């Protein structure tokens, strides 16, 4: 199926903007480094997600920029979910595919407007970074905590998983890895 010319241009612009954002983040020193703390690693991931404008699971271009912040298993799970989304679009172009929108990187589907590290608990070399999130665009504002699992990988700290902490209906529950593999 041929893409509408403006759609193709828009896709190219998004890829360029995503690549430019990634380059700016890396140049600005936001690339994960061996000396970052677990809290900084978690915040860098969310800064990169925001810079790339990720909604739903990241597409191939965004995932390429995010890979330095993730374990291989989490990056592979995100790639799997993106592939499932693309297959669903091909099979039923008029239906909403899985992982097309929402924020799987936090409990609240609508995502966060604010994020800050709250506490860090060490379990061996793995850090559990409890993040305090809020979404001020919701009325009333929504506040919650999720736990970002940060682990060392190749001399730097990376995100291995997210444990959802909110307990409301229609929120994400369990862990990000489970959600990503929940679509057959």
N, C-alpha and C. Protein backbone atom coordinates (compact mmCIF):
# COMPACT_ATOMS: atom_id res chain seq x y z
N UNK A 1 0.85 -1.17 0.00
CA UNK A 1 0.00 0.00 0.00
C UNK A 1 0.89 1.23 0.00
N UNK A 2 0.67 2.14 -0.90
CA UNK A 2 1.49 3.35 -1.01
C UNK A 2 1.14 4.33 0.09
N UNK A 3 2.18 4.98 0.59
CA UNK A 3 1.97 6.00 1.62
C UNK A 3 1.62 7.32 0.97
N UNK A 4 0.76 8.07 1.62
CA UNK A 4 0.45 9.41 1.16
C UNK A 4 1.73 10.23 1.24
N UNK A 5 2.03 11.10 0.26
CA UNK A 5 3.29 11.86 0.27
C UNK A 5 3.52 12.62 1.56
N UNK A 6 2.49 13.24 2.13
CA UNK A 6 2.71 13.99 3.37
C UNK A 6 3.00 13.06 4.53
N UNK A 7 2.43 11.84 4.50
CA UNK A 7 2.72 10.86 5.54
C UNK A 7 4.18 10.44 5.47
N UNK A 8 4.67 10.20 4.26
CA UNK A 8 6.07 9.80 4.08
C UNK A 8 7.00 10.91 4.54
N UNK A 9 6.67 12.15 4.20
CA UNK A 9 7.49 13.29 4.64
C UNK A 9 7.46 13.39 6.16
N UNK A 10 6.29 13.24 6.75
CA UNK A 10 6.16 13.31 8.21
C UNK A 10 6.99 12.23 8.89
N UNK A 11 6.97 11.02 8.31
CA UNK A 11 7.75 9.92 8.89
C UNK A 11 9.24 10.24 8.81
N UNK A 12 9.69 10.79 7.67
CA UNK A 12 11.10 11.16 7.54
C UNK A 12 11.48 12.25 8.53
N UNK A 13 10.59 13.22 8.72
CA UNK A 13 10.86 14.29 9.67
C UNK A 13 10.94 13.77 11.10
N UNK A 14 10.03 12.82 11.45
CA UNK A 14 10.08 12.24 12.79
C UNK A 14 11.38 11.48 13.00
N UNK A 15 11.81 10.72 11.98
CA UNK A 15 13.07 9.98 12.10
C UNK A 15 14.23 10.95 12.27
N UNK A 16 14.23 12.03 11.48
CA UNK A 16 15.29 13.03 11.59
C UNK A 16 15.27 13.68 12.97
N UNK A 17 14.07 14.06 13.42
CA UNK A 17 13.96 14.72 14.73
C UNK A 17 14.40 13.78 15.84
N UNK A 18 14.02 12.50 15.74
CA UNK A 18 14.44 11.53 16.74
C UNK A 18 15.94 11.36 16.76
N UNK A 19 16.54 11.26 15.57
CA UNK A 19 17.99 11.13 15.49
C UNK A 19 18.69 12.39 15.99
N UNK A 20 18.13 13.55 15.65
CA UNK A 20 18.71 14.81 16.12
C UNK A 20 18.61 14.92 17.63
N UNK A 21 17.46 14.51 18.17
CA UNK A 21 17.30 14.56 19.63
C UNK A 21 18.30 13.63 20.31
N UNK A 22 18.47 12.45 19.74
CA UNK A 22 19.44 11.51 20.32
C UNK A 22 20.84 12.08 20.26
N UNK A 23 21.19 12.67 19.14
CA UNK A 23 22.53 13.26 19.01
C UNK A 23 22.72 14.39 20.01
N UNK A 24 21.70 15.22 20.18
CA UNK A 24 21.80 16.31 21.15
C UNK A 24 21.94 15.78 22.57
N UNK A 25 21.17 14.74 22.90
CA UNK A 25 21.26 14.18 24.25
C UNK A 25 22.66 13.62 24.50
N UNK A 26 23.20 12.91 23.52
CA UNK A 26 24.53 12.33 23.70
C UNK A 26 25.58 13.43 23.78
N UNK A 27 25.45 14.45 22.96
CA UNK A 27 26.40 15.55 22.98
C UNK A 27 26.29 16.32 24.29
N UNK A 28 25.10 16.41 24.83
CA UNK A 28 24.88 17.16 26.07
C UNK A 28 25.29 16.35 27.30
N UNK A 29 25.81 15.16 27.09
CA UNK A 29 26.27 14.38 28.22
C UNK A 29 25.20 13.53 28.87
N UNK A 30 24.11 13.25 28.17
CA UNK A 30 23.05 12.43 28.74
C UNK A 30 23.16 10.97 28.35
N UNK A 31 24.20 10.63 27.61
CA UNK A 31 24.41 9.23 27.30
C UNK A 31 24.78 8.51 28.59
N UNK A 32 24.34 7.27 28.74
CA UNK A 32 24.69 6.57 29.97
C UNK A 32 26.19 6.41 30.08
N UNK A 33 26.72 6.65 31.22
CA UNK A 33 28.16 6.55 31.46
C UNK A 33 28.38 5.63 32.64
N UNK A 34 29.56 5.06 32.72
CA UNK A 34 29.88 4.17 33.82
C UNK A 34 29.79 4.85 35.18
N UNK A 35 29.91 6.16 35.22
CA UNK A 35 29.93 6.85 36.51
C UNK A 35 28.56 7.36 36.94
N UNK A 36 27.51 7.11 36.18
CA UNK A 36 26.19 7.60 36.58
C UNK A 36 25.67 6.79 37.75
N UNK A 37 24.77 7.39 38.50
CA UNK A 37 24.12 6.69 39.60
C UNK A 37 22.86 6.00 39.05
N UNK A 38 22.30 5.06 39.80
CA UNK A 38 21.04 4.44 39.35
C UNK A 38 19.94 5.48 39.13
N UNK A 39 19.83 6.47 40.00
CA UNK A 39 18.81 7.52 39.83
C UNK A 39 19.04 8.31 38.55
N UNK A 40 20.29 8.65 38.25
CA UNK A 40 20.60 9.38 37.03
C UNK A 40 20.28 8.54 35.80
N UNK A 41 20.55 7.25 35.88
CA UNK A 41 20.25 6.36 34.77
C UNK A 41 18.75 6.35 34.48
N UNK A 42 17.93 6.23 35.52
CA UNK A 42 16.48 6.24 35.34
C UNK A 42 16.02 7.57 34.74
N UNK A 43 16.53 8.68 35.27
CA UNK A 43 16.13 10.00 34.77
C UNK A 43 16.57 10.20 33.32
N UNK A 44 17.75 9.68 32.96
CA UNK A 44 18.23 9.81 31.58
C UNK A 44 17.32 9.06 30.62
N UNK A 45 16.84 7.89 31.03
CA UNK A 45 15.91 7.15 30.18
C UNK A 45 14.66 7.98 29.91
N UNK A 46 14.08 8.56 30.96
CA UNK A 46 12.85 9.34 30.78
C UNK A 46 13.11 10.62 29.98
N UNK A 47 14.27 11.22 30.16
CA UNK A 47 14.62 12.41 29.36
C UNK A 47 14.72 12.04 27.89
N UNK A 48 15.31 10.89 27.61
CA UNK A 48 15.44 10.45 26.22
C UNK A 48 14.09 10.10 25.62
N UNK A 49 13.23 9.43 26.38
CA UNK A 49 11.88 9.13 25.89
C UNK A 49 11.14 10.41 25.53
N UNK A 50 11.26 11.43 26.39
CA UNK A 50 10.61 12.71 26.12
C UNK A 50 11.21 13.40 24.90
N UNK A 51 12.53 13.38 24.79
CA UNK A 51 13.20 14.03 23.65
C UNK A 51 12.82 13.38 22.33
N UNK A 52 12.61 12.07 22.35
CA UNK A 52 12.24 11.35 21.14
C UNK A 52 10.74 11.41 20.86
N UNK A 53 9.96 11.87 21.83
CA UNK A 53 8.51 11.94 21.65
C UNK A 53 7.86 10.57 21.58
N UNK A 54 8.39 9.60 22.33
CA UNK A 54 7.88 8.23 22.27
C UNK A 54 6.50 8.15 22.91
N UNK A 55 5.55 7.59 22.15
CA UNK A 55 4.21 7.23 22.62
C UNK A 55 4.02 5.78 22.25
N UNK A 56 3.50 4.99 23.15
CA UNK A 56 3.44 3.56 22.90
C UNK A 56 4.84 2.99 23.01
N UNK A 57 5.07 1.88 22.33
CA UNK A 57 6.44 1.36 22.34
C UNK A 57 7.23 2.10 21.26
N UNK A 58 8.52 2.26 21.46
CA UNK A 58 9.33 2.98 20.47
C UNK A 58 9.40 2.22 19.16
N UNK A 59 9.42 2.97 18.06
CA UNK A 59 9.63 2.33 16.76
C UNK A 59 11.13 2.02 16.62
N UNK A 60 11.51 1.47 15.48
CA UNK A 60 12.90 1.04 15.27
C UNK A 60 13.90 2.18 15.47
N UNK A 61 13.59 3.35 14.94
CA UNK A 61 14.52 4.48 15.06
C UNK A 61 14.68 4.93 16.50
N UNK A 62 13.57 5.06 17.21
CA UNK A 62 13.63 5.48 18.61
C UNK A 62 14.32 4.41 19.46
N UNK A 63 14.04 3.14 19.18
CA UNK A 63 14.67 2.07 19.94
C UNK A 63 16.19 2.08 19.74
N UNK A 64 16.62 2.38 18.54
CA UNK A 64 18.07 2.47 18.28
C UNK A 64 18.70 3.52 19.20
N UNK A 65 18.03 4.65 19.37
CA UNK A 65 18.55 5.71 20.24
C UNK A 65 18.46 5.33 21.72
N UNK A 66 17.47 4.51 22.07
CA UNK A 66 17.27 4.12 23.47
C UNK A 66 18.14 2.94 23.91
N UNK A 67 18.63 2.15 22.97
CA UNK A 67 19.38 0.93 23.31
C UNK A 67 20.49 1.14 24.33
N UNK A 68 21.27 2.22 24.28
CA UNK A 68 22.33 2.38 25.28
C UNK A 68 21.81 2.52 26.72
N UNK A 69 20.53 2.75 26.89
CA UNK A 69 19.94 2.92 28.21
C UNK A 69 19.29 1.63 28.73
N UNK A 70 19.28 0.57 27.91
CA UNK A 70 18.50 -0.63 28.20
C UNK A 70 19.34 -1.89 28.19
N UNK A 71 18.90 -2.89 28.95
CA UNK A 71 19.51 -4.22 28.82
C UNK A 71 19.08 -4.78 27.47
N UNK A 72 19.82 -5.77 27.01
CA UNK A 72 19.46 -6.42 25.74
C UNK A 72 18.08 -7.06 25.83
N UNK A 73 17.75 -7.67 26.98
CA UNK A 73 16.45 -8.34 27.10
C UNK A 73 15.29 -7.34 27.04
N UNK A 74 15.46 -6.17 27.63
CA UNK A 74 14.40 -5.16 27.56
C UNK A 74 14.30 -4.58 26.15
N UNK A 75 15.44 -4.31 25.52
CA UNK A 75 15.43 -3.81 24.14
C UNK A 75 14.80 -4.83 23.20
N UNK A 76 15.10 -6.11 23.39
CA UNK A 76 14.51 -7.16 22.56
C UNK A 76 13.00 -7.25 22.77
N UNK A 77 12.54 -7.10 24.01
CA UNK A 77 11.11 -7.13 24.30
C UNK A 77 10.40 -5.94 23.65
N UNK A 78 11.03 -4.77 23.67
CA UNK A 78 10.45 -3.59 23.00
C UNK A 78 10.40 -3.80 21.49
N UNK A 79 11.44 -4.40 20.92
CA UNK A 79 11.45 -4.70 19.48
C UNK A 79 10.34 -5.70 19.14
N UNK A 80 10.14 -6.70 20.00
CA UNK A 80 9.07 -7.68 19.81
C UNK A 80 7.70 -6.98 19.79
N UNK A 81 7.47 -6.09 20.75
CA UNK A 81 6.19 -5.38 20.82
C UNK A 81 5.99 -4.48 19.61
N UNK A 82 7.05 -3.83 19.15
CA UNK A 82 6.96 -3.00 17.95
C UNK A 82 6.62 -3.86 16.73
N UNK A 83 7.22 -5.04 16.63
CA UNK A 83 6.93 -5.94 15.51
C UNK A 83 5.46 -6.38 15.57
N UNK A 84 4.96 -6.67 16.76
CA UNK A 84 3.55 -7.05 16.92
C UNK A 84 2.64 -5.91 16.47
N UNK A 85 3.02 -4.70 16.80
CA UNK A 85 2.24 -3.53 16.40
C UNK A 85 2.21 -3.42 14.87
N UNK A 86 3.36 -3.56 14.22
CA UNK A 86 3.43 -3.45 12.76
C UNK A 86 2.63 -4.55 12.07
N UNK A 87 2.67 -5.78 12.59
CA UNK A 87 1.89 -6.88 12.02
C UNK A 87 0.40 -6.58 12.16
N UNK A 88 -0.02 -6.09 13.32
CA UNK A 88 -1.43 -5.78 13.55
C UNK A 88 -1.92 -4.69 12.59
N UNK A 89 -1.07 -3.72 12.30
CA UNK A 89 -1.44 -2.65 11.36
C UNK A 89 -1.63 -3.23 9.96
N UNK A 90 -0.76 -4.14 9.56
CA UNK A 90 -0.88 -4.76 8.23
C UNK A 90 -2.12 -5.64 8.13
N UNK A 91 -2.40 -6.39 9.20
CA UNK A 91 -3.53 -7.32 9.18
C UNK A 91 -4.88 -6.64 9.31
N UNK A 92 -4.93 -5.56 10.06
CA UNK A 92 -6.20 -4.85 10.29
C UNK A 92 -5.94 -3.35 10.34
N UNK A 93 -5.72 -2.73 9.16
CA UNK A 93 -5.33 -1.32 9.13
C UNK A 93 -6.35 -0.36 9.74
N UNK A 94 -7.61 -0.77 9.85
CA UNK A 94 -8.63 0.12 10.42
C UNK A 94 -8.77 -0.04 11.93
N UNK A 95 -8.12 -1.04 12.50
CA UNK A 95 -8.20 -1.27 13.95
C UNK A 95 -6.99 -0.65 14.63
N UNK A 96 -7.18 -0.31 15.89
CA UNK A 96 -6.08 0.25 16.66
C UNK A 96 -5.15 -0.89 17.07
N UNK A 97 -3.88 -0.81 16.70
CA UNK A 97 -2.96 -1.90 17.04
C UNK A 97 -2.50 -1.82 18.49
N UNK A 98 -2.00 -2.93 19.02
CA UNK A 98 -1.45 -2.89 20.38
C UNK A 98 -0.21 -2.01 20.43
N UNK A 99 0.01 -1.40 21.56
CA UNK A 99 1.20 -0.60 21.82
C UNK A 99 1.33 0.63 20.93
N UNK A 100 0.23 1.09 20.34
CA UNK A 100 0.29 2.25 19.44
C UNK A 100 0.37 3.56 20.19
N UNK A 101 -0.17 3.60 21.38
CA UNK A 101 -0.11 4.83 22.16
C UNK A 101 -0.07 4.48 23.64
N UNK A 102 -0.16 5.46 24.46
CA UNK A 102 -0.03 5.24 25.89
C UNK A 102 1.43 5.25 26.29
N UNK A 103 1.67 5.12 27.57
CA UNK A 103 3.03 5.16 28.10
C UNK A 103 3.34 3.87 28.85
N UNK A 104 3.89 2.88 28.16
CA UNK A 104 4.22 1.63 28.85
C UNK A 104 5.39 1.78 29.82
N UNK A 105 6.04 2.94 29.83
CA UNK A 105 7.17 3.17 30.73
C UNK A 105 6.72 3.71 32.09
N UNK A 106 5.41 3.75 32.31
CA UNK A 106 4.87 4.12 33.62
C UNK A 106 3.50 3.47 33.79
N UNK A 107 3.01 3.42 35.03
CA UNK A 107 1.72 2.79 35.32
C UNK A 107 0.55 3.48 34.63
N UNK A 108 0.61 4.79 34.50
CA UNK A 108 -0.51 5.56 33.96
C UNK A 108 -0.44 5.59 32.44
N UNK A 109 -1.49 5.10 31.78
CA UNK A 109 -1.55 5.05 30.33
C UNK A 109 -1.27 6.43 29.71
N UNK A 110 -1.82 7.48 30.33
CA UNK A 110 -1.64 8.83 29.81
C UNK A 110 -0.23 9.37 30.03
N UNK A 111 0.56 8.68 30.82
CA UNK A 111 1.95 9.08 31.02
C UNK A 111 2.14 10.07 32.15
N UNK A 112 3.37 10.52 32.26
CA UNK A 112 3.75 11.40 33.36
C UNK A 112 4.07 12.79 32.83
N UNK A 113 3.82 13.78 33.66
CA UNK A 113 4.27 15.13 33.34
C UNK A 113 5.46 15.50 34.22
N UNK A 114 5.62 14.77 35.32
CA UNK A 114 6.76 15.00 36.22
C UNK A 114 7.29 13.66 36.70
N UNK A 115 8.61 13.62 36.89
CA UNK A 115 9.27 12.41 37.39
C UNK A 115 10.46 12.83 38.24
N UNK A 116 10.62 12.13 39.35
CA UNK A 116 11.81 12.36 40.17
C UNK A 116 12.12 11.09 40.94
N UNK A 117 13.40 10.82 41.13
CA UNK A 117 13.76 9.65 41.94
C UNK A 117 13.36 9.90 43.39
N UNK A 118 12.81 8.89 44.03
CA UNK A 118 12.40 9.00 45.43
C UNK A 118 13.40 8.28 46.33
N UNK A 119 13.51 6.98 46.17
CA UNK A 119 14.46 6.21 46.96
C UNK A 119 15.16 5.19 46.07
N UNK A 120 16.29 4.72 46.53
CA UNK A 120 17.04 3.67 45.83
C UNK A 120 17.34 2.57 46.84
N UNK A 121 16.99 1.34 46.48
CA UNK A 121 17.28 0.18 47.30
C UNK A 121 18.22 -0.71 46.50
N UNK A 122 19.34 -1.07 47.09
CA UNK A 122 20.31 -1.93 46.42
C UNK A 122 20.04 -3.38 46.78
N UNK A 123 20.06 -4.25 45.78
CA UNK A 123 19.95 -5.71 45.93
C UNK A 123 21.14 -6.29 45.18
N UNK A 124 22.27 -6.41 45.89
CA UNK A 124 23.50 -6.83 45.22
C UNK A 124 23.95 -5.71 44.30
N UNK A 125 24.17 -6.03 43.02
CA UNK A 125 24.57 -4.98 42.08
C UNK A 125 23.38 -4.39 41.32
N UNK A 126 22.17 -4.82 41.66
CA UNK A 126 20.95 -4.29 41.05
C UNK A 126 20.36 -3.22 41.95
N UNK A 127 19.95 -2.11 41.33
CA UNK A 127 19.32 -1.02 42.08
C UNK A 127 17.84 -0.97 41.72
N UNK A 128 17.03 -0.79 42.75
CA UNK A 128 15.59 -0.57 42.56
C UNK A 128 15.35 0.90 42.83
N UNK A 129 15.13 1.66 41.76
CA UNK A 129 14.93 3.11 41.86
C UNK A 129 13.43 3.38 41.90
N UNK A 130 12.95 3.76 43.06
CA UNK A 130 11.53 4.10 43.19
C UNK A 130 11.37 5.53 42.68
N UNK A 131 10.56 5.68 41.64
CA UNK A 131 10.34 6.98 41.01
C UNK A 131 8.98 7.51 41.44
N UNK A 132 8.95 8.79 41.80
CA UNK A 132 7.70 9.48 42.11
C UNK A 132 7.25 10.18 40.83
N UNK A 133 6.13 9.76 40.30
CA UNK A 133 5.58 10.32 39.07
C UNK A 133 4.30 11.10 39.37
N UNK A 134 4.01 12.04 38.51
CA UNK A 134 2.70 12.70 38.57
C UNK A 134 2.30 13.09 37.16
N UNK A 135 1.00 13.22 36.98
CA UNK A 135 0.44 13.74 35.74
C UNK A 135 -0.49 14.86 36.14
N UNK A 136 -0.05 16.10 35.92
CA UNK A 136 -0.81 17.29 36.32
C UNK A 136 -1.89 17.65 35.30
N UNK A 137 -1.89 17.00 34.12
CA UNK A 137 -2.93 17.31 33.14
C UNK A 137 -4.23 16.59 33.48
N UNK A 138 -4.17 15.57 34.31
CA UNK A 138 -5.37 14.86 34.76
C UNK A 138 -6.04 15.67 35.86
N UNK A 139 -7.36 15.62 35.92
CA UNK A 139 -8.10 16.31 36.97
C UNK A 139 -8.88 15.30 37.76
N UNK A 140 -8.59 15.10 39.03
CA UNK A 140 -7.49 15.73 39.75
C UNK A 140 -6.15 15.12 39.31
N UNK A 141 -5.07 15.78 39.68
CA UNK A 141 -3.74 15.30 39.33
C UNK A 141 -3.54 13.88 39.88
N UNK A 142 -2.79 13.08 39.14
CA UNK A 142 -2.53 11.70 39.54
C UNK A 142 -1.07 11.59 39.97
N UNK A 143 -0.85 10.97 41.12
CA UNK A 143 0.50 10.74 41.65
C UNK A 143 0.67 9.25 41.90
N UNK A 144 1.83 8.71 41.59
CA UNK A 144 2.10 7.30 41.83
C UNK A 144 3.60 7.04 41.86
N UNK A 145 3.95 5.81 42.21
CA UNK A 145 5.34 5.39 42.25
C UNK A 145 5.50 4.09 41.47
N UNK A 146 6.51 4.06 40.63
CA UNK A 146 6.92 2.84 39.93
C UNK A 146 8.38 2.60 40.30
N UNK A 147 8.82 1.37 40.14
CA UNK A 147 10.19 1.02 40.47
C UNK A 147 10.95 0.67 39.19
N UNK A 148 12.03 1.38 38.96
CA UNK A 148 12.87 1.15 37.79
C UNK A 148 14.02 0.24 38.23
N UNK A 149 14.17 -0.89 37.55
CA UNK A 149 15.22 -1.85 37.87
C UNK A 149 16.44 -1.49 37.04
N UNK A 150 17.52 -1.11 37.73
CA UNK A 150 18.75 -0.67 37.07
C UNK A 150 19.87 -1.65 37.42
N UNK A 151 20.59 -2.08 36.40
CA UNK A 151 21.64 -3.07 36.59
C UNK A 151 22.88 -2.71 35.78
N UNK A 152 24.05 -3.17 36.20
CA UNK A 152 25.26 -2.89 35.41
C UNK A 152 25.31 -3.76 34.16
N UNK A 153 25.81 -3.20 33.07
CA UNK A 153 25.96 -3.93 31.82
C UNK A 153 27.08 -3.28 31.03
N UNK A 154 28.12 -4.02 30.72
CA UNK A 154 29.25 -3.52 29.95
C UNK A 154 29.82 -2.22 30.50
N UNK A 155 29.99 -2.15 31.81
CA UNK A 155 30.63 -0.99 32.42
C UNK A 155 29.75 0.23 32.62
N UNK A 156 28.45 0.08 32.40
CA UNK A 156 27.54 1.21 32.64
C UNK A 156 26.26 0.69 33.25
N UNK A 157 25.48 1.57 33.80
CA UNK A 157 24.19 1.20 34.37
C UNK A 157 23.10 1.36 33.32
N UNK A 158 22.21 0.37 33.25
CA UNK A 158 21.11 0.39 32.27
C UNK A 158 19.82 -0.07 32.94
N UNK A 159 18.71 0.22 32.31
CA UNK A 159 17.39 -0.17 32.81
C UNK A 159 17.09 -1.58 32.33
N UNK A 160 16.72 -2.46 33.29
CA UNK A 160 16.41 -3.85 32.97
C UNK A 160 14.91 -4.11 32.92
N UNK A 161 14.13 -3.34 33.67
CA UNK A 161 12.69 -3.56 33.73
C UNK A 161 12.05 -2.42 34.51
N UNK A 162 10.73 -2.37 34.47
CA UNK A 162 9.95 -1.41 35.27
C UNK A 162 8.87 -2.20 35.99
N UNK A 163 8.79 -2.00 37.28
CA UNK A 163 7.74 -2.63 38.09
C UNK A 163 6.69 -1.56 38.37
N UNK A 164 5.49 -1.82 37.83
CA UNK A 164 4.42 -0.85 37.99
C UNK A 164 3.91 -0.86 39.43
N UNK A 165 3.65 0.34 39.96
CA UNK A 165 3.24 0.45 41.35
C UNK A 165 1.82 0.92 41.56
N UNK A 166 1.17 1.40 40.53
CA UNK A 166 -0.18 1.93 40.69
C UNK A 166 -1.19 0.78 40.69
N UNK A 167 -2.29 0.97 41.38
CA UNK A 167 -3.27 -0.09 41.49
C UNK A 167 -4.63 0.27 40.95
N UNK A 168 -4.73 1.24 40.06
CA UNK A 168 -6.04 1.64 39.58
C UNK A 168 -6.44 0.82 38.35
N UNK A 169 -7.75 0.82 38.09
CA UNK A 169 -8.28 0.12 36.93
C UNK A 169 -7.74 0.75 35.65
N UNK A 170 -7.41 -0.08 34.69
CA UNK A 170 -6.90 0.31 33.38
C UNK A 170 -5.45 0.80 33.41
N UNK A 171 -4.81 0.79 34.58
CA UNK A 171 -3.39 1.11 34.63
C UNK A 171 -2.58 -0.12 34.30
N UNK A 172 -1.33 0.07 33.94
CA UNK A 172 -0.46 -1.07 33.72
C UNK A 172 -0.17 -1.71 35.07
N UNK A 173 -0.14 -3.03 35.11
CA UNK A 173 0.19 -3.76 36.33
C UNK A 173 1.28 -4.77 36.03
N UNK A 174 1.94 -5.22 37.07
CA UNK A 174 3.01 -6.19 36.90
C UNK A 174 4.32 -5.51 36.53
N UNK A 175 4.90 -6.00 35.45
CA UNK A 175 6.20 -5.48 35.00
C UNK A 175 6.14 -5.16 33.51
N UNK A 176 6.99 -4.23 33.08
CA UNK A 176 7.05 -3.86 31.66
C UNK A 176 7.35 -5.06 30.79
N UNK A 177 8.31 -5.89 31.17
CA UNK A 177 8.63 -7.08 30.35
C UNK A 177 7.42 -7.97 30.14
N UNK A 178 6.59 -8.14 31.18
CA UNK A 178 5.38 -8.96 31.05
C UNK A 178 4.39 -8.31 30.08
N UNK A 179 4.22 -7.01 30.19
CA UNK A 179 3.28 -6.29 29.32
C UNK A 179 3.73 -6.40 27.87
N UNK A 180 5.02 -6.26 27.62
CA UNK A 180 5.53 -6.28 26.25
C UNK A 180 5.32 -7.63 25.56
N UNK A 181 5.34 -8.70 26.34
CA UNK A 181 5.13 -10.04 25.77
C UNK A 181 3.69 -10.53 25.93
N UNK A 182 2.79 -9.66 26.37
CA UNK A 182 1.39 -10.08 26.62
C UNK A 182 0.58 -10.22 25.35
N UNK A 183 1.05 -9.65 24.25
CA UNK A 183 0.35 -9.81 22.97
C UNK A 183 1.01 -10.97 22.24
N UNK A 184 0.23 -12.02 21.89
CA UNK A 184 0.83 -13.19 21.25
C UNK A 184 1.48 -12.89 19.93
